[in-house]
C-alpha atoms as a PDB file:
ATOM      1  CA  MET A   1      23.866 -20.629 -10.313  1.00  0.00           C
ATOM      2  CA  TYR A   2      20.823 -21.964 -12.158  1.00  0.00           C
ATOM      3  CA  ARG A   3      20.462 -25.689 -12.801  1.00  0.00           C
ATOM      4  CA  GLU A   4      18.124 -27.552 -15.152  1.00  0.00           C
ATOM      5  CA  ASP A   5      16.326 -29.175 -12.230  1.00  0.00           C
ATOM      6  CA  GLY A   6      15.245 -25.747 -10.981  1.00  0.00           C
ATOM      7  CA  HIS A   7      17.574 -25.767  -7.974  1.00  0.00           C
ATOM      8  CA  ASP A   8      19.050 -22.337  -7.415  1.00  0.00           C
ATOM      9  CA  ALA A   9      22.105 -22.282  -5.169  1.00  0.00           C
ATOM     10  CA  ALA A  10      22.053 -18.487  -4.904  1.00  0.00           C
ATOM     11  CA  GLU A  11      18.473 -18.493  -3.629  1.00  0.00           C
ATOM     12  CA  GLU A  12      19.249 -21.297  -1.222  1.00  0.00           C
ATOM     13  CA  ALA A  13      22.095 -19.211   0.188  1.00  0.00           C
ATOM     14  CA  LYS A  14      19.600 -16.428   0.941  1.00  0.00           C
ATOM     15  CA  MET A  15      17.423 -18.636   3.112  1.00  0.00           C
ATOM     16  CA  HIS A  16      16.841 -17.468   6.663  1.00  0.00           C
ATOM     17  CA  ARG A  17      17.527 -19.716   9.618  1.00  0.00           C
ATOM     18  CA  SER A  18      13.814 -20.457   9.684  1.00  0.00           C
ATOM     19  CA  GLY A  19      14.083 -22.043   6.268  1.00  0.00           C
ATOM     20  CA  GLN A  20      11.993 -19.321   4.616  1.00  0.00           C
ATOM     21  CA  PRO A  21      13.305 -17.399   1.592  1.00  0.00           C
ATOM     22  CA  ALA A  22      14.770 -13.985   2.296  1.00  0.00           C
ATOM     23  CA  VAL A  23      12.248 -11.164   1.984  1.00  0.00           C
ATOM     24  CA  HIS A  24      13.228  -8.463  -0.467  1.00  0.00           C
ATOM     25  CA  GLN A  25      13.194  -5.178   1.404  1.00  0.00           C
ATOM     26  CA  SER A  26      11.974  -1.894  -0.034  1.00  0.00           C
ATOM     27  CA  ARG A  27      14.698   0.664  -0.673  1.00  0.00           C
ATOM     28  CA  ALA A  28      15.385   4.123   0.710  1.00  0.00           C
ATOM     29  CA  ASN A  29      18.025   6.774   0.107  1.00  0.00           C
ATOM     30  CA  PRO A  30      18.261   9.315   2.957  1.00  0.00           C
ATOM     31  CA  GLY A  31      20.682  11.540   1.010  1.00  0.00           C
ATOM     32  CA  GLU A  32      18.292  11.787  -1.905  1.00  0.00           C
ATOM     33  CA  SER A  33      15.489  12.520   0.546  1.00  0.00           C
ATOM     34  CA  ARG A  34      17.410  15.431   2.108  1.00  0.00           C
ATOM     35  CA  PHE A  35      18.241  16.803  -1.362  1.00  0.00           C
ATOM     36  CA  LEU A  36      14.598  16.603  -2.439  1.00  0.00           C
ATOM     37  CA  VAL A  37      13.414  18.423   0.696  1.00  0.00           C
ATOM     38  CA  HIS A  38      15.958  21.173   0.018  1.00  0.00           C
ATOM     39  CA  TYR A  39      14.801  21.428  -3.609  1.00  0.00           C
ATOM     40  CA  ALA A  40      11.127  21.554  -2.559  1.00  0.00           C
ATOM     41  CA  LYS A  41      11.900  24.449  -0.199  1.00  0.00           C
ATOM     42  CA  LEU A  42      13.615  26.300  -3.065  1.00  0.00           C
ATOM     43  CA  LEU A  43      10.537  25.800  -5.238  1.00  0.00           C
ATOM     44  CA  VAL A  44       8.296  27.215  -2.500  1.00  0.00           C
ATOM     45  CA  ARG A  45      10.589  30.254  -2.237  1.00  0.00           C
ATOM     46  CA  CYS A  46      10.201  30.687  -6.020  1.00  0.00           C
ATOM     47  CA  GLY A  47       6.424  30.773  -5.723  1.00  0.00           C
ATOM     48  CA  VAL A  48       5.237  27.165  -6.044  1.00  0.00           C
ATOM     49  CA  ALA A  49       2.431  26.569  -3.556  1.00  0.00           C
ATOM     50  CA  PRO A  50       3.040  23.561  -1.273  1.00  0.00           C
ATOM     51  CA  LYS A  51      -0.490  22.273  -2.037  1.00  0.00           C
ATOM     52  CA  ASP A  52       0.453  22.084  -5.746  1.00  0.00           C
ATOM     53  CA  MET A  53       3.506  19.911  -5.073  1.00  0.00           C
ATOM     54  CA  THR A  54       3.629  16.108  -5.128  1.00  0.00           C
ATOM     55  CA  VAL A  55       6.591  13.813  -4.584  1.00  0.00           C
ATOM     56  CA  ILE A  56       6.604  10.372  -6.191  1.00  0.00           C
ATOM     57  CA  THR A  57       9.053   7.514  -5.740  1.00  0.00           C
ATOM     58  CA  PRO A  58       9.046   3.846  -6.763  1.00  0.00           C
ATOM     59  CA  TYR A  59       9.737   2.537  -3.246  1.00  0.00           C
ATOM     60  CA  ASN A  60       7.519   2.363  -0.139  1.00  0.00           C
ATOM     61  CA  ARG A  61      10.513   2.763   2.178  1.00  0.00           C
ATOM     62  CA  GLN A  62      11.507   5.962   0.362  1.00  0.00           C
ATOM     63  CA  VAL A  63       7.948   7.285   0.849  1.00  0.00           C
ATOM     64  CA  GLU A  64       8.387   6.761   4.612  1.00  0.00           C
ATOM     65  CA  THR A  65      11.847   8.361   4.559  1.00  0.00           C
ATOM     66  CA  LEU A  66      10.617  11.389   2.617  1.00  0.00           C
ATOM     67  CA  ARG A  67       7.627  11.933   4.899  1.00  0.00           C
ATOM     68  CA  MET A  68       9.885  11.727   7.943  1.00  0.00           C
ATOM     69  CA  THR A  69      12.461  14.115   6.430  1.00  0.00           C
ATOM     70  CA  PHE A  70       9.799  16.687   5.486  1.00  0.00           C
ATOM     71  CA  GLY A  71       8.202  16.359   8.931  1.00  0.00           C
ATOM     72  CA  GLU A  72      11.454  16.852  10.841  1.00  0.00           C
ATOM     73  CA  ASP A  73      12.566  19.960   8.920  1.00  0.00           C
ATOM     74  CA  ALA A  74      11.700  23.153  10.831  1.00  0.00           C
ATOM     75  CA  GLU A  75      11.715  25.328   7.716  1.00  0.00           C
ATOM     76  CA  CYS A  76       9.276  22.954   5.996  1.00  0.00           C
ATOM     77  CA  ALA A  77       6.865  23.465   8.882  1.00  0.00           C
ATOM     78  CA  ARG A  78       7.116  27.261   8.528  1.00  0.00           C
ATOM     79  CA  VAL A  79       6.384  27.230   4.762  1.00  0.00           C
ATOM     80  CA  GLY A  80       3.667  24.561   4.843  1.00  0.00           C
ATOM     81  CA  LEU A  81       5.730  21.661   3.510  1.00  0.00           C
ATOM     82  CA  ASP A  82       5.677  19.545   6.660  1.00  0.00           C
ATOM     83  CA  ARG A  83       3.081  17.148   5.152  1.00  0.00           C
ATOM     84  CA  PRO A  84       3.342  17.267   1.347  1.00  0.00           C
ATOM     85  CA  ARG A  85       1.735  14.605  -0.841  1.00  0.00           C
ATOM     86  CA  VAL A  86       4.281  11.789  -1.088  1.00  0.00           C
ATOM     87  CA  ASN A  87       3.244   8.660  -2.990  1.00  0.00           C
ATOM     88  CA  THR A  88       4.632   5.680  -4.782  1.00  0.00           C
ATOM     89  CA  VAL A  89       4.407   5.752  -8.558  1.00  0.00           C
ATOM     90  CA  ASP A  90       1.624   3.162  -8.462  1.00  0.00           C
ATOM     91  CA  SER A  91      -0.506   5.024  -5.923  1.00  0.00           C
ATOM     92  CA  PHE A  92      -0.124   8.332  -7.806  1.00  0.00           C
ATOM     93  CA  GLN A  93      -1.326   6.856 -11.089  1.00  0.00           C
ATOM     94  CA  GLY A  94      -4.381   8.706 -12.413  1.00  0.00           C
ATOM     95  CA  GLN A  95      -3.780  11.816 -10.284  1.00  0.00           C
ATOM     96  CA  GLU A  96      -2.516  15.223 -11.356  1.00  0.00           C
ATOM     97  CA  ALA A  97      -0.231  17.807  -9.810  1.00  0.00           C
ATOM     98  CA  ASP A  98       1.232  21.098 -11.013  1.00  0.00           C
ATOM     99  CA  CYS A  99       4.670  20.289  -9.618  1.00  0.00           C
ATOM    100  CA  VAL A 100       5.906  16.689  -9.430  1.00  0.00           C
ATOM    101  CA  LEU A 101       9.253  15.820  -7.871  1.00  0.00           C
END
């Protein structure tokens, strides 16, 4: 609830025991990551070169999750997708790629 004096009860409820405000964590979706890896492998089978592929996501945690999922997949290693370019939207800005997921 917001009050005129600037006191925010909802924010106060989020305070840690240390008295510091709660830190907003980055987000990740492991299911989406697995789906994207599967889709990337299908694209490689259809002729898209792994070097031409880039994955972008708005969240840093999802970047980590995607890199881990690509790295752990044995088929990705065989087709050259074990270390694809995975960036946040902000870090990809100004770059180009033939295939963007």
